[in-house]
C-alpha atoms as a PDB file:
ATOM      1  CA  MET A   1       0.000   0.000   0.000  1.00  0.00           C
ATOM      2  CA  LYS A   2       2.890   2.346   0.725  1.00  0.00           C
ATOM      3  CA  THR A   3       4.019   1.816  -2.870  1.00  0.00           C
ATOM      4  CA  ILE A   4       0.606   2.849  -4.201  1.00  0.00           C
ATOM      5  CA  PHE A   5       0.487   6.041  -2.176  1.00  0.00           C
ATOM      6  CA  GLY A   6       4.105   6.791  -2.981  1.00  0.00           C
ATOM      7  CA  LEU A   7       3.174   6.700  -6.672  1.00  0.00           C
ATOM      8  CA  PHE A   8       0.249   9.077  -6.118  1.00  0.00           C
ATOM      9  CA  ILE A   9       2.430  11.493  -4.192  1.00  0.00           C
ATOM     10  CA  LEU A  10       5.043  11.448  -6.951  1.00  0.00           C
ATOM     11  CA  LEU A  11       2.446  12.057  -9.660  1.00  0.00           C
ATOM     12  CA  LEU A  12       0.803  14.865  -7.749  1.00  0.00           C
ATOM     13  CA  SER A  13       4.120  16.503  -6.925  1.00  0.00           C
ATOM     14  CA  VAL A  14       4.796  16.703 -10.659  1.00  0.00           C
ATOM     15  CA  ALA A  15       1.272  17.659 -11.703  1.00  0.00           C
ATOM     16  CA  LEU A  16       0.572  20.130  -8.887  1.00  0.00           C
ATOM     17  CA  PRO A  17       3.478  22.578  -8.721  1.00  0.00           C
ATOM     18  CA  ALA A  18       3.450  25.244  -6.043  1.00  0.00           C
ATOM     19  CA  THR A  19       1.280  28.092  -7.276  1.00  0.00           C
ATOM     20  CA  SER A  20      -0.857  30.871  -5.965  1.00  0.00           C
ATOM     21  CA  PHE A  21      -4.644  30.644  -6.075  1.00  0.00           C
ATOM     22  CA  ALA A  22      -4.806  34.300  -7.096  1.00  0.00           C
ATOM     23  CA  ALA A  23      -6.520  34.851 -10.422  1.00  0.00           C
ATOM     24  CA  PRO A  24      -3.938  34.967 -13.231  1.00  0.00           C
ATOM     25  CA  SER A  25      -3.507  37.976 -15.455  1.00  0.00           C
ATOM     26  CA  THR A  26      -5.894  37.776 -18.380  1.00  0.00           C
ATOM     27  CA  SER A  27      -3.076  38.873 -20.661  1.00  0.00           C
ATOM     28  CA  ILE A  28      -1.503  35.410 -20.458  1.00  0.00           C
ATOM     29  CA  MET A  29      -4.770  33.480 -20.819  1.00  0.00           C
ATOM     30  CA  SER A  30      -6.298  32.221 -24.050  1.00  0.00           C
ATOM     31  CA  ALA A  31      -9.724  33.452 -25.153  1.00  0.00           C
ATOM     32  CA  GLU A  32     -11.229  30.120 -24.068  1.00  0.00           C
ATOM     33  CA  GLU A  33      -9.640  30.373 -20.629  1.00  0.00           C
ATOM     34  CA  GLN A  34     -10.785  33.961 -20.211  1.00  0.00           C
ATOM     35  CA  ALA A  35     -14.358  32.943 -21.070  1.00  0.00           C
ATOM     36  CA  ALA A  36     -14.215  30.101 -18.528  1.00  0.00           C
ATOM     37  CA  MET A  37     -12.970  32.405 -15.764  1.00  0.00           C
ATOM     38  CA  GLN A  38     -15.836  34.829 -16.340  1.00  0.00           C
ATOM     39  CA  LYS A  39     -18.043  32.176 -14.736  1.00  0.00           C
ATOM     40  CA  PRO A  40     -15.995  30.747 -11.836  1.00  0.00           C
ATOM     41  CA  TRP A  41     -19.026  29.166 -10.119  1.00  0.00           C
ATOM     42  CA  ASP A  42     -20.944  26.152 -11.394  1.00  0.00           C
ATOM     43  CA  PHE A  43     -23.783  24.158  -9.885  1.00  0.00           C
ATOM     44  CA  SER A  44     -25.561  20.926 -10.717  1.00  0.00           C
ATOM     45  CA  THR A  45     -28.274  18.843  -9.129  1.00  0.00           C
ATOM     46  CA  SER A  46     -29.395  15.375 -10.155  1.00  0.00           C
ATOM     47  CA  LEU A  47     -32.551  13.540  -9.098  1.00  0.00           C
ATOM     48  CA  GLY A  48     -32.531   9.776  -9.618  1.00  0.00           C
ATOM     49  CA  HIS A  49     -34.422   6.598  -8.837  1.00  0.00           C
ATOM     50  CA  PHE A  50     -32.921   3.121  -8.307  1.00  0.00           C
ATOM     51  CA  GLU A  51     -34.889  -0.114  -8.412  1.00  0.00           C
ATOM     52  CA  SER A  52     -33.775  -3.726  -8.059  1.00  0.00           C
ATOM     53  CA  LEU A  53     -33.884  -5.524 -11.406  1.00  0.00           C
ATOM     54  CA  TYR A  54     -35.289  -8.591  -9.630  1.00  0.00           C
ATOM     55  CA  ASN A  55     -37.555  -8.800  -6.592  1.00  0.00           C
ATOM     56  CA  ARG A  56     -36.681 -11.983  -4.713  1.00  0.00           C
ATOM     57  CA  ASN A  57     -39.366 -11.302  -2.061  1.00  0.00           C
ATOM     58  CA  ASP A  58     -36.831 -11.857   0.711  1.00  0.00           C
ATOM     59  CA  GLY A  59     -36.490  -8.257   1.929  1.00  0.00           C
ATOM     60  CA  SER A  60     -33.420  -7.499  -0.196  1.00  0.00           C
ATOM     61  CA  ARG A  61     -35.271  -5.358  -2.755  1.00  0.00           C
ATOM     62  CA  ILE A  62     -33.932  -1.841  -3.328  1.00  0.00           C
ATOM     63  CA  SER A  63     -36.209   1.067  -4.211  1.00  0.00           C
ATOM     64  CA  ALA A  64     -34.847   4.511  -3.516  1.00  0.00           C
ATOM     65  CA  ASN A  65     -34.746   8.098  -4.708  1.00  0.00           C
ATOM     66  CA  THR A  66     -31.427   9.928  -4.742  1.00  0.00           C
ATOM     67  CA  LEU A  67     -30.449  13.585  -4.857  1.00  0.00           C
ATOM     68  CA  ASN A  68     -26.918  14.613  -5.793  1.00  0.00           C
ATOM     69  CA  THR A  69     -25.864  18.259  -5.535  1.00  0.00           C
ATOM     70  CA  THR A  70     -22.484  19.728  -6.458  1.00  0.00           C
ATOM     71  CA  LEU A  71     -21.117  23.265  -6.214  1.00  0.00           C
ATOM     72  CA  GLY A  72     -17.830  24.145  -7.880  1.00  0.00           C
ATOM     73  CA  TYR A  73     -15.532  27.167  -7.834  1.00  0.00           C
ATOM     74  CA  LYS A  74     -12.564  27.837 -10.114  1.00  0.00           C
ATOM     75  CA  PHE A  75      -9.742  29.572  -8.259  1.00  0.00           C
ATOM     76  CA  ASN A  76      -7.987  30.117 -11.576  1.00  0.00           C
ATOM     77  CA  LYS A  77      -7.562  28.331 -14.894  1.00  0.00           C
ATOM     78  CA  ASP A  78      -5.752  25.412 -13.213  1.00  0.00           C
ATOM     79  CA  TYR A  79      -7.553  24.659  -9.940  1.00  0.00           C
ATOM     80  CA  LYS A  80     -11.170  23.939  -9.108  1.00  0.00           C
ATOM     81  CA  LEU A  81     -12.753  23.156  -5.728  1.00  0.00           C
ATOM     82  CA  THR A  82     -15.967  21.103  -5.691  1.00  0.00           C
ATOM     83  CA  GLY A  83     -18.299  20.308  -2.825  1.00  0.00           C
ATOM     84  CA  GLU A  84     -20.728  17.408  -3.139  1.00  0.00           C
ATOM     85  CA  VAL A  85     -23.679  16.222  -1.040  1.00  0.00           C
ATOM     86  CA  ASP A  86     -25.736  13.046  -1.628  1.00  0.00           C
ATOM     87  CA  LEU A  87     -29.128  12.245  -0.119  1.00  0.00           C
ATOM     88  CA  VAL A  88     -31.081   8.983  -0.256  1.00  0.00           C
ATOM     89  CA  GLN A  89     -34.787   8.411   0.299  1.00  0.00           C
ATOM     90  CA  ASP A  90     -35.630   4.736   0.815  1.00  0.00           C
ATOM     91  CA  THR A  91     -39.180   4.312  -0.519  1.00  0.00           C
ATOM     92  CA  LEU A  92     -39.546   0.983   1.309  1.00  0.00           C
ATOM     93  CA  ASP A  93     -38.256   1.980   4.757  1.00  0.00           C
ATOM     94  CA  SER A  94     -38.168   5.627   5.808  1.00  0.00           C
ATOM     95  CA  GLU A  95     -35.722   4.812   8.633  1.00  0.00           C
ATOM     96  CA  ASN A  96     -33.038   4.422   5.968  1.00  0.00           C
ATOM     97  CA  ASN A  97     -33.484   7.978   4.673  1.00  0.00           C
ATOM     98  CA  ASP A  98     -30.103   9.628   5.021  1.00  0.00           C
ATOM     99  CA  ILE A  99     -27.480  12.093   3.917  1.00  0.00           C
ATOM    100  CA  SER A 100     -25.426   9.343   2.341  1.00  0.00           C
ATOM    101  CA  GLY A 101     -22.274  11.338   1.704  1.00  0.00           C
ATOM    102  CA  ALA A 102     -20.536  14.708   1.670  1.00  0.00           C
ATOM    103  CA  SER A 103     -17.106  15.560   0.288  1.00  0.00           C
ATOM    104  CA  LEU A 104     -14.725  18.238  -0.932  1.00  0.00           C
ATOM    105  CA  ALA A 105     -12.374  17.780  -3.895  1.00  0.00           C
ATOM    106  CA  LEU A 106      -9.593  19.924  -5.350  1.00  0.00           C
ATOM    107  CA  ALA A 107      -8.790  19.088  -8.967  1.00  0.00           C
ATOM    108  CA  HIS A 108      -6.176  20.329 -11.403  1.00  0.00           C
ATOM    109  CA  SER A 109      -7.219  21.008 -14.979  1.00  0.00           C
ATOM    110  CA  LYS A 110      -6.219  18.497 -17.654  1.00  0.00           C
ATOM    111  CA  ILE A 111      -2.498  18.175 -18.300  1.00  0.00           C
ATOM    112  CA  SER A 112      -1.512  16.966 -21.777  1.00  0.00           C
ATOM    113  CA  VAL A 113       1.516  14.653 -21.918  1.00  0.00           C
ATOM    114  CA  ALA A 114       3.205  12.337 -24.431  1.00  0.00           C
ATOM    115  CA  ASP A 115       2.744  14.775 -27.326  1.00  0.00           C
ATOM    116  CA  ARG A 116      -0.938  15.278 -26.387  1.00  0.00           C
ATOM    117  CA  LEU A 117      -1.656  11.528 -26.512  1.00  0.00           C
ATOM    118  CA  LEU A 118      -2.814  11.501 -22.875  1.00  0.00           C
ATOM    119  CA  ASP A 119      -4.715  13.971 -20.696  1.00  0.00           C
ATOM    120  CA  LEU A 120      -4.059  13.676 -16.953  1.00  0.00           C
ATOM    121  CA  THR A 121      -6.378  15.057 -14.266  1.00  0.00           C
ATOM    122  CA  PRO A 122      -4.979  14.767 -10.702  1.00  0.00           C
ATOM    123  CA  SER A 123      -7.144  15.531  -7.671  1.00  0.00           C
ATOM    124  CA  LEU A 124      -7.264  15.512  -3.877  1.00  0.00           C
ATOM    125  CA  SER A 125     -10.405  14.840  -1.844  1.00  0.00           C
ATOM    126  CA  SER A 126     -11.718  14.620   1.696  1.00  0.00           C
ATOM    127  CA  SER A 127     -14.983  13.226   3.015  1.00  0.00           C
ATOM    128  CA  ILE A 128     -17.165  14.635   5.775  1.00  0.00           C
ATOM    129  CA  PRO A 129     -18.771  12.005   8.076  1.00  0.00           C
ATOM    130  CA  VAL A 130     -22.496  12.719   7.890  1.00  0.00           C
ATOM    131  CA  SER A 131     -24.233   9.406   7.117  1.00  0.00           C
ATOM    132  CA  GLN A 132     -25.646   6.840   9.525  1.00  0.00           C
ATOM    133  CA  PHE A 133     -23.008   4.398   8.287  1.00  0.00           C
ATOM    134  CA  ASP A 134     -20.210   6.889   9.006  1.00  0.00           C
ATOM    135  CA  HIS A 135     -21.399   7.299  12.585  1.00  0.00           C
ATOM    136  CA  HIS A 136     -21.924   3.548  12.926  1.00  0.00           C
ATOM    137  CA  THR A 137     -18.287   2.938  11.958  1.00  0.00           C
ATOM    138  CA  SER A 138     -16.964   5.963  13.956  1.00  0.00           C
ATOM    139  CA  LEU A 139     -15.471   7.546  10.808  1.00  0.00           C
ATOM    140  CA  GLN A 140     -13.702  10.823  11.558  1.00  0.00           C
ATOM    141  CA  THR A 141     -12.657  11.753   8.025  1.00  0.00           C
ATOM    142  CA  SER A 142     -10.862  10.392   4.973  1.00  0.00           C
ATOM    143  CA  PHE A 143      -8.307  11.754   2.530  1.00  0.00           C
ATOM    144  CA  GLY A 144      -7.903  10.574  -1.038  1.00  0.00           C
ATOM    145  CA  MET A 145      -5.764  11.111  -4.124  1.00  0.00           C
ATOM    146  CA  ALA A 146      -6.792  10.248  -7.662  1.00  0.00           C
ATOM    147  CA  LEU A 147      -5.380  10.407 -11.167  1.00  0.00           C
ATOM    148  CA  LYS A 148      -7.634  10.219 -14.227  1.00  0.00           C
ATOM    149  CA  THR A 149      -5.931   9.349 -17.515  1.00  0.00           C
ATOM    150  CA  GLU A 150      -7.799   9.934 -20.792  1.00  0.00           C
ATOM    151  CA  ILE A 151      -6.674   9.124 -24.309  1.00  0.00           C
ATOM    152  CA  ASN A 152      -6.981  12.097 -26.644  1.00  0.00           C
ATOM    153  CA  PRO A 153      -9.825  11.168 -29.062  1.00  0.00           C
ATOM    154  CA  GLU A 154      -7.733  12.530 -31.927  1.00  0.00           C
ATOM    155  CA  PHE A 155      -5.465   9.479 -31.540  1.00  0.00           C
ATOM    156  CA  LEU A 156      -8.325   6.960 -31.559  1.00  0.00           C
ATOM    157  CA  PHE A 157      -9.914   5.445 -34.665  1.00  0.00           C
ATOM    158  CA  SER A 158     -12.963   7.642 -34.061  1.00  0.00           C
ATOM    159  CA  LYS A 159     -13.512  10.885 -32.162  1.00  0.00           C
ATOM    160  CA  ARG A 160     -16.826   9.422 -31.040  1.00  0.00           C
ATOM    161  CA  LEU A 161     -14.917   7.005 -28.802  1.00  0.00           C
ATOM    162  CA  SER A 162     -13.616   7.944 -25.347  1.00  0.00           C
ATOM    163  CA  LEU A 163     -11.330   5.927 -23.059  1.00  0.00           C
ATOM    164  CA  ALA A 164     -10.419   6.833 -19.480  1.00  0.00           C
ATOM    165  CA  LEU A 165      -8.669   5.013 -16.639  1.00  0.00           C
ATOM    166  CA  SER A 166      -8.844   6.373 -13.091  1.00  0.00           C
ATOM    167  CA  LEU A 167      -6.684   5.288 -10.142  1.00  0.00           C
ATOM    168  CA  ALA A 168      -7.641   6.388  -6.651  1.00  0.00           C
ATOM    169  CA  GLY A 169      -6.375   5.754  -3.142  1.00  0.00           C
ATOM    170  CA  THR A 170      -8.092   6.705   0.130  1.00  0.00           C
ATOM    171  CA  ARG A 171      -6.987   6.632   3.761  1.00  0.00           C
ATOM    172  CA  ASN A 172      -9.824   6.491   6.296  1.00  0.00           C
ATOM    173  CA  PHE A 173      -9.540   7.607   9.903  1.00  0.00           C
ATOM    174  CA  HIS A 174     -11.825   5.980  12.482  1.00  0.00           C
ATOM    175  CA  THR A 175     -12.059   6.348  16.227  1.00  0.00           C
ATOM    176  CA  TYR A 176     -12.216   2.570  16.548  1.00  0.00           C
ATOM    177  CA  SER A 177     -10.920  -0.226  14.328  1.00  0.00           C
ATOM    178  CA  GLU A 178     -14.353  -1.914  14.397  1.00  0.00           C
ATOM    179  CA  GLY A 179     -17.915  -0.736  13.845  1.00  0.00           C
ATOM    180  CA  GLN A 180     -20.639  -0.912  16.461  1.00  0.00           C
ATOM    181  CA  ASP A 181     -21.583  -4.410  15.286  1.00  0.00           C
ATOM    182  CA  GLY A 182     -18.004  -5.676  15.523  1.00  0.00           C
ATOM    183  CA  THR A 183     -17.333  -5.570  11.757  1.00  0.00           C
ATOM    184  CA  PRO A 184     -13.741  -4.483  10.975  1.00  0.00           C
ATOM    185  CA  ASN A 185     -13.524  -0.934   9.634  1.00  0.00           C
ATOM    186  CA  THR A 186     -11.736  -0.152   6.367  1.00  0.00           C
ATOM    187  CA  GLU A 187      -8.456   1.739   6.717  1.00  0.00           C
ATOM    188  CA  TYR A 188      -7.307   1.879   3.070  1.00  0.00           C
ATOM    189  CA  VAL A 189      -9.213   1.852  -0.212  1.00  0.00           C
ATOM    190  CA  ALA A 190      -7.770   1.491  -3.724  1.00  0.00           C
ATOM    191  CA  VAL A 191     -10.003   1.807  -6.794  1.00  0.00           C
ATOM    192  CA  GLN A 192      -9.181   1.146 -10.445  1.00  0.00           C
ATOM    193  CA  ASP A 193     -11.909   2.382 -12.783  1.00  0.00           C
ATOM    194  CA  LEU A 194     -12.152   1.986 -16.574  1.00  0.00           C
ATOM    195  CA  LYS A 195     -14.732   3.960 -18.554  1.00  0.00           C
ATOM    196  CA  ILE A 196     -15.463   3.493 -22.256  1.00  0.00           C
ATOM    197  CA  GLY A 197     -17.835   5.883 -24.008  1.00  0.00           C
ATOM    198  CA  TRP A 198     -19.363   6.187 -27.455  1.00  0.00           C
ATOM    199  CA  GLU A 199     -21.154   9.253 -28.815  1.00  0.00           C
ATOM    200  CA  PHE A 200     -23.878   8.255 -31.264  1.00  0.00           C
ATOM    201  CA  THR A 201     -25.077  11.801 -31.896  1.00  0.00           C
ATOM    202  CA  SER A 202     -24.665  15.224 -30.311  1.00  0.00           C
ATOM    203  CA  TRP A 203     -27.515  14.358 -27.936  1.00  0.00           C
ATOM    204  CA  LEU A 204     -27.121  10.587 -27.342  1.00  0.00           C
ATOM    205  CA  SER A 205     -24.135   8.727 -25.883  1.00  0.00           C
ATOM    206  CA  PHE A 206     -23.387   5.417 -24.164  1.00  0.00           C
ATOM    207  CA  ALA A 207     -20.918   4.652 -21.377  1.00  0.00           C
ATOM    208  CA  PHE A 208     -19.622   1.376 -19.964  1.00  0.00           C
ATOM    209  CA  ASP A 209     -17.922   1.679 -16.570  1.00  0.00           C
ATOM    210  CA  VAL A 210     -16.178  -1.122 -14.650  1.00  0.00           C
ATOM    211  CA  ALA A 211     -14.352  -0.732 -11.345  1.00  0.00           C
ATOM    212  CA  ASN A 212     -12.230  -2.933  -9.099  1.00  0.00           C
ATOM    213  CA  ILE A 213     -12.254  -2.035  -5.396  1.00  0.00           C
ATOM    214  CA  ASP A 214      -9.663  -3.210  -2.860  1.00  0.00           C
ATOM    215  CA  LEU A 215     -10.283  -2.686   0.856  1.00  0.00           C
ATOM    216  CA  TRP A 216      -7.807  -3.175   3.698  1.00  0.00           C
ATOM    217  CA  SER A 217      -9.037  -3.390   7.282  1.00  0.00           C
ATOM    218  CA  TYR A 218      -7.024  -2.064  10.231  1.00  0.00           C
ATOM    219  CA  ASN A 219      -5.692  -5.567  10.854  1.00  0.00           C
ATOM    220  CA  GLY A 220      -4.426  -5.798   7.257  1.00  0.00           C
ATOM    221  CA  ILE A 221      -7.088  -8.125   5.823  1.00  0.00           C
ATOM    222  CA  LEU A 222      -7.719  -7.510   2.100  1.00  0.00           C
ATOM    223  CA  SER A 223     -11.198  -7.742   0.568  1.00  0.00           C
ATOM    224  CA  GLU A 224     -11.773  -7.428  -3.191  1.00  0.00           C
ATOM    225  CA  PHE A 225     -14.931  -6.185  -4.876  1.00  0.00           C
ATOM    226  CA  TYR A 226     -16.042  -4.903  -8.246  1.00  0.00           C
ATOM    227  CA  ALA A 227     -18.954  -3.192  -9.977  1.00  0.00           C
ATOM    228  CA  HIS A 228     -19.965  -2.206 -13.495  1.00  0.00           C
ATOM    229  CA  SER A 229     -22.641  -0.082 -15.143  1.00  0.00           C
ATOM    230  CA  GLU A 230     -24.070   0.539 -18.603  1.00  0.00           C
ATOM    231  CA  GLU A 231     -25.683   3.926 -19.194  1.00  0.00           C
ATOM    232  CA  PHE A 232     -27.381   5.863 -21.987  1.00  0.00           C
ATOM    233  CA  ASP A 233     -27.140   9.643 -21.690  1.00  0.00           C
ATOM    234  CA  PHE A 234     -29.568  12.010 -23.428  1.00  0.00           C
ATOM    235  CA  THR A 235     -28.601  15.680 -23.680  1.00  0.00           C
ATOM    236  CA  ILE A 236     -31.688  17.880 -23.977  1.00  0.00           C
ATOM    237  CA  ASN A 237     -29.840  21.216 -23.942  1.00  0.00           C
ATOM    238  CA  LYS A 238     -26.914  22.880 -22.160  1.00  0.00           C
ATOM    239  CA  GLN A 239     -28.724  22.687 -18.813  1.00  0.00           C
ATOM    240  CA  TRP A 240     -30.839  19.530 -18.882  1.00  0.00           C
ATOM    241  CA  SER A 241     -29.836  15.896 -19.394  1.00  0.00           C
ATOM    242  CA  VAL A 242     -31.355  12.475 -18.738  1.00  0.00           C
ATOM    243  CA  ALA A 243     -29.644   9.143 -18.012  1.00  0.00           C
ATOM    244  CA  LEU A 244     -30.968   5.570 -18.061  1.00  0.00           C
ATOM    245  CA  GLY A 245     -28.918   2.543 -17.106  1.00  0.00           C
ATOM    246  CA  GLN A 246     -28.321  -0.601 -15.134  1.00  0.00           C
ATOM    247  CA  CYS A 247     -25.550  -1.454 -12.708  1.00  0.00           C
ATOM    248  CA  TYR A 248     -24.173  -4.634 -11.193  1.00  0.00           C
ATOM    249  CA  GLY A 249     -23.225  -3.496  -7.742  1.00  0.00           C
ATOM    250  CA  ASN A 250     -25.419  -0.451  -7.196  1.00  0.00           C
ATOM    251  CA  PRO A 251     -24.480   2.933  -5.691  1.00  0.00           C
ATOM    252  CA  LEU A 252     -26.617   2.249  -2.624  1.00  0.00           C
ATOM    253  CA  SER A 253     -24.702  -0.987  -1.862  1.00  0.00           C
ATOM    254  CA  PRO A 254     -21.815  -1.015  -4.331  1.00  0.00           C
ATOM    255  CA  PHE A 255     -19.675  -3.919  -3.171  1.00  0.00           C
ATOM    256  CA  VAL A 256     -19.946  -7.179  -5.118  1.00  0.00           C
ATOM    257  CA  PRO A 257     -17.333  -9.727  -3.966  1.00  0.00           C
ATOM    258  CA  VAL A 258     -14.861 -10.684  -6.694  1.00  0.00           C
ATOM    259  CA  TRP A 259     -14.966 -14.297  -5.517  1.00  0.00           C
ATOM    260  CA  GLN A 260     -17.951 -16.573  -5.034  1.00  0.00           C
ATOM    261  CA  ALA A 261     -18.571 -18.252  -1.683  1.00  0.00           C
ATOM    262  CA  ASP A 262     -16.262 -21.181  -2.585  1.00  0.00           C
ATOM    263  CA  GLN A 263     -13.351 -18.717  -3.071  1.00  0.00           C
ATOM    264  CA  GLN A 264     -12.459 -20.596  -6.262  1.00  0.00           C
ATOM    265  CA  ASN A 265     -14.656 -19.063  -8.965  1.00  0.00           C
ATOM    266  CA  TYR A 266     -14.998 -15.431 -10.028  1.00  0.00           C
ATOM    267  CA  ASN A 267     -18.256 -13.644  -9.288  1.00  0.00           C
ATOM    268  CA  PHE A 268     -18.368 -11.779 -12.608  1.00  0.00           C
ATOM    269  CA  SER A 269     -21.747 -11.408 -14.270  1.00  0.00           C
ATOM    270  CA  LEU A 270     -23.616  -8.983 -16.513  1.00  0.00           C
ATOM    271  CA  ILE A 271     -26.799  -9.112 -14.448  1.00  0.00           C
ATOM    272  CA  ASP A 272     -27.643 -10.897 -11.224  1.00  0.00           C
ATOM    273  CA  GLN A 273     -30.746 -11.458  -9.096  1.00  0.00           C
ATOM    274  CA  ARG A 274     -29.049 -10.072  -5.988  1.00  0.00           C
ATOM    275  CA  TYR A 275     -26.843  -7.224  -7.203  1.00  0.00           C
ATOM    276  CA  SER A 276     -28.440  -5.819 -10.387  1.00  0.00           C
ATOM    277  CA  THR A 277     -30.216  -2.465 -10.288  1.00  0.00           C
ATOM    278  CA  VAL A 278     -31.822  -0.283 -12.944  1.00  0.00           C
ATOM    279  CA  TYR A 279     -31.955   3.487 -12.619  1.00  0.00           C
ATOM    280  CA  GLY A 280     -32.891   6.755 -14.227  1.00  0.00           C
ATOM    281  CA  SER A 281     -31.866  10.326 -13.453  1.00  0.00           C
ATOM    282  CA  VAL A 282     -32.502  13.908 -14.510  1.00  0.00           C
ATOM    283  CA  THR A 283     -29.687  16.467 -14.147  1.00  0.00           C
ATOM    284  CA  LEU A 284     -29.828  20.257 -14.149  1.00  0.00           C
ATOM    285  CA  THR A 285     -26.543  22.138 -14.630  1.00  0.00           C
ATOM    286  CA  TYR A 286     -25.834  25.845 -14.286  1.00  0.00           C
END
């Protein structure tokens, strides 16, 4: 794990040179950058609904509304700070209604490398313990580093295609090494995420996203999980968009074990009676 975080620190030390957050002189900014800085604030809110693909009538069904809100501010052409809050309304059990997450993230703008073949986006993040689960596990806070690597579409066989690989590492800080029910808390998290997109038209696109999640408890035990999703995105105009999709390992309970119960066979599947969820969302962006 030290090797993973050492790599992130090295990458961020190169990508995030010491700089002031003061607004740069417009004389050294391109017309596009000047236009972007005229609107330093941005805001988006997304209302969604998740439903289990199968109802096994055993109490495991998921039916919930979600609300995601983000507020961003550009310090200058290079750095942007984003705050995010997520709420969940369980339509089957109101006791599960919750602020499911809150976080802050500082991201650097895209950095082109390898003769513009790759675009790198490094970021730092921190979570705020607000959910019932956070309090149940005695989470104090967490700090994460991430690096998103995108291939410049100009180097692909079609500009309609997009490819991106994200690597992220998180260190959690808990008061206790175990939750209230005795379950070991997670100290380290490493996520590898691959996203493949295809733009059919200017208003319709498709995205396939698959992620591998590694969790280390405070006693060093490793647990491996994964999730994937398939989503169609419909752009109505600059402010409104709609998404429809299905995910294996859903955002309300995202961890699908890599291994089956026998620990011999992989747990990979396109859809599953236990883990598959369908969803739809409407997003408004300012």
